[in-house]
Amino acid sequence: MIGLSVAVGRFVEALFWAIMQAAGVVSLAVGAVAAAAILTAVVARKLWVSQRRRR
């Protein structure tokens, strides 16, 4: 009975860490997409402003 309890505990712990790892990967991906979007917006705005000055 104790062995089963230990096995269940280890399973729950492994499941918890797997969920945390997946959440970390997802949050990293979302952060990278957000950073790329901000960088793209800044570069596009600078290009747009420089085009308006040339006219």
N, C-alpha and C. Protein backbone atom coordinates (compact mmCIF):
# COMPACT_ATOMS: atom_id res chain seq x y z
N MET A 1 0.82 -1.20 0.00
CA MET A 1 0.00 0.00 0.00
C MET A 1 0.86 1.26 0.00
N ILE A 2 1.96 1.23 0.73
CA ILE A 2 2.85 2.39 0.75
C ILE A 2 3.50 2.58 -0.61
N GLY A 3 3.87 1.46 -1.26
CA GLY A 3 4.48 1.54 -2.58
C GLY A 3 3.56 2.19 -3.59
N LEU A 4 2.28 1.90 -3.52
CA LEU A 4 1.31 2.51 -4.43
C LEU A 4 1.21 4.01 -4.16
N SER A 5 1.23 4.39 -2.90
CA SER A 5 1.15 5.80 -2.55
C SER A 5 2.37 6.55 -3.08
N VAL A 6 3.54 5.95 -2.97
CA VAL A 6 4.76 6.58 -3.49
C VAL A 6 4.68 6.70 -5.00
N ALA A 7 4.19 5.66 -5.68
CA ALA A 7 4.07 5.69 -7.13
C ALA A 7 3.11 6.79 -7.58
N VAL A 8 2.00 6.92 -6.88
CA VAL A 8 1.03 7.96 -7.23
C VAL A 8 1.64 9.34 -6.99
N GLY A 9 2.36 9.48 -5.89
CA GLY A 9 3.01 10.76 -5.59
C GLY A 9 4.03 11.13 -6.65
N ARG A 10 4.82 10.17 -7.08
CA ARG A 10 5.82 10.44 -8.12
C ARG A 10 5.16 10.77 -9.44
N PHE A 11 4.05 10.11 -9.75
CA PHE A 11 3.32 10.40 -10.97
C PHE A 11 2.78 11.83 -10.95
N VAL A 12 2.19 12.22 -9.83
CA VAL A 12 1.63 13.57 -9.72
C VAL A 12 2.75 14.61 -9.82
N GLU A 13 3.89 14.32 -9.20
CA GLU A 13 5.01 15.25 -9.27
C GLU A 13 5.52 15.37 -10.71
N ALA A 14 5.65 14.26 -11.40
CA ALA A 14 6.11 14.29 -12.79
C ALA A 14 5.11 15.04 -13.67
N LEU A 15 3.84 14.83 -13.43
CA LEU A 15 2.80 15.53 -14.19
C LEU A 15 2.87 17.04 -13.95
N PHE A 16 3.07 17.42 -12.68
CA PHE A 16 3.19 18.83 -12.33
C PHE A 16 4.37 19.47 -13.06
N TRP A 17 5.53 18.82 -13.04
CA TRP A 17 6.71 19.39 -13.69
C TRP A 17 6.55 19.44 -15.20
N ALA A 18 5.87 18.46 -15.78
CA ALA A 18 5.62 18.48 -17.23
C ALA A 18 4.71 19.65 -17.60
N ILE A 19 3.69 19.90 -16.79
CA ILE A 19 2.79 21.03 -17.04
C ILE A 19 3.54 22.35 -16.90
N MET A 20 4.40 22.45 -15.88
CA MET A 20 5.17 23.68 -15.68
C MET A 20 6.15 23.90 -16.85
N GLN A 21 6.74 22.84 -17.34
CA GLN A 21 7.66 22.97 -18.47
C GLN A 21 6.91 23.43 -19.72
N ALA A 22 5.75 22.86 -19.97
CA ALA A 22 4.96 23.26 -21.12
C ALA A 22 4.52 24.72 -21.00
N ALA A 23 4.13 25.12 -19.79
CA ALA A 23 3.73 26.51 -19.58
C ALA A 23 4.91 27.45 -19.80
N GLY A 24 6.09 27.03 -19.41
CA GLY A 24 7.28 27.84 -19.63
C GLY A 24 7.59 28.01 -21.10
N VAL A 25 7.46 26.94 -21.86
CA VAL A 25 7.72 27.00 -23.30
C VAL A 25 6.69 27.91 -23.98
N VAL A 26 5.43 27.77 -23.58
CA VAL A 26 4.38 28.60 -24.17
C VAL A 26 4.60 30.07 -23.83
N SER A 27 4.94 30.37 -22.58
CA SER A 27 5.16 31.77 -22.21
C SER A 27 6.39 32.34 -22.91
N LEU A 28 7.41 31.53 -23.12
CA LEU A 28 8.58 31.99 -23.86
C LEU A 28 8.21 32.29 -25.31
N ALA A 29 7.41 31.44 -25.92
CA ALA A 29 6.98 31.65 -27.30
C ALA A 29 6.13 32.92 -27.42
N VAL A 30 5.21 33.12 -26.48
CA VAL A 30 4.36 34.31 -26.51
C VAL A 30 5.21 35.57 -26.33
N GLY A 31 6.19 35.50 -25.43
CA GLY A 31 7.09 36.64 -25.24
C GLY A 31 7.90 36.95 -26.48
N ALA A 32 8.37 35.91 -27.16
CA ALA A 32 9.16 36.12 -28.38
C ALA A 32 8.30 36.74 -29.48
N VAL A 33 7.07 36.28 -29.62
CA VAL A 33 6.17 36.84 -30.63
C VAL A 33 5.85 38.30 -30.30
N ALA A 34 5.63 38.60 -29.04
CA ALA A 34 5.35 39.98 -28.64
C ALA A 34 6.55 40.88 -28.91
N ALA A 35 7.74 40.40 -28.59
CA ALA A 35 8.95 41.20 -28.84
C ALA A 35 9.14 41.43 -30.33
N ALA A 36 8.90 40.41 -31.14
CA ALA A 36 9.03 40.57 -32.59
C ALA A 36 8.00 41.56 -33.13
N ALA A 37 6.79 41.52 -32.60
CA ALA A 37 5.75 42.45 -33.05
C ALA A 37 6.11 43.89 -32.68
N ILE A 38 6.63 44.08 -31.48
CA ILE A 38 7.02 45.43 -31.06
C ILE A 38 8.17 45.93 -31.91
N LEU A 39 9.16 45.08 -32.14
CA LEU A 39 10.30 45.47 -32.97
C LEU A 39 9.85 45.82 -34.39
N THR A 40 8.96 45.02 -34.94
CA THR A 40 8.45 45.28 -36.28
C THR A 40 7.70 46.61 -36.33
N ALA A 41 6.90 46.89 -35.31
CA ALA A 41 6.14 48.14 -35.27
C ALA A 41 7.08 49.34 -35.17
N VAL A 42 8.12 49.22 -34.36
CA VAL A 42 9.07 50.33 -34.21
C VAL A 42 9.80 50.60 -35.53
N VAL A 43 10.28 49.53 -36.16
CA VAL A 43 10.99 49.69 -37.43
C VAL A 43 10.05 50.25 -38.50
N ALA A 44 8.83 49.74 -38.59
CA ALA A 44 7.88 50.24 -39.58
C ALA A 44 7.57 51.72 -39.35
N ARG A 45 7.43 52.11 -38.10
CA ARG A 45 7.14 53.51 -37.80
C ARG A 45 8.30 54.41 -38.19
N LYS A 46 9.52 53.96 -37.89
CA LYS A 46 10.69 54.76 -38.28
C LYS A 46 10.79 54.89 -39.80
N LEU A 47 10.53 53.80 -40.51
CA LEU A 47 10.57 53.87 -41.97
C LEU A 47 9.47 54.79 -42.50
N TRP A 48 8.29 54.72 -41.90
CA TRP A 48 7.18 55.55 -42.34
C TRP A 48 7.48 57.03 -42.12
N VAL A 49 8.06 57.35 -40.96
CA VAL A 49 8.39 58.74 -40.66
C VAL A 49 9.47 59.24 -41.61
N SER A 50 10.47 58.40 -41.90
CA SER A 50 11.53 58.84 -42.81
C SER A 50 10.99 59.02 -44.24
N GLN A 51 10.01 58.23 -44.64
CA GLN A 51 9.41 58.40 -45.96
C GLN A 51 8.62 59.71 -46.05
N ARG A 52 7.97 60.07 -44.95
CA ARG A 52 7.19 61.33 -44.96
C ARG A 52 8.11 62.53 -45.02
N ARG A 53 9.30 62.44 -44.40
CA ARG A 53 10.23 63.57 -44.41
C ARG A 53 10.83 63.79 -45.80
N ARG A 54 10.98 62.76 -46.59
CA ARG A 54 11.58 62.86 -47.91
C ARG A 54 10.67 63.59 -48.90
N ARG A 55 9.38 63.55 -48.65
CA ARG A 55 8.43 64.16 -49.59
C ARG A 55 8.38 65.64 -49.47
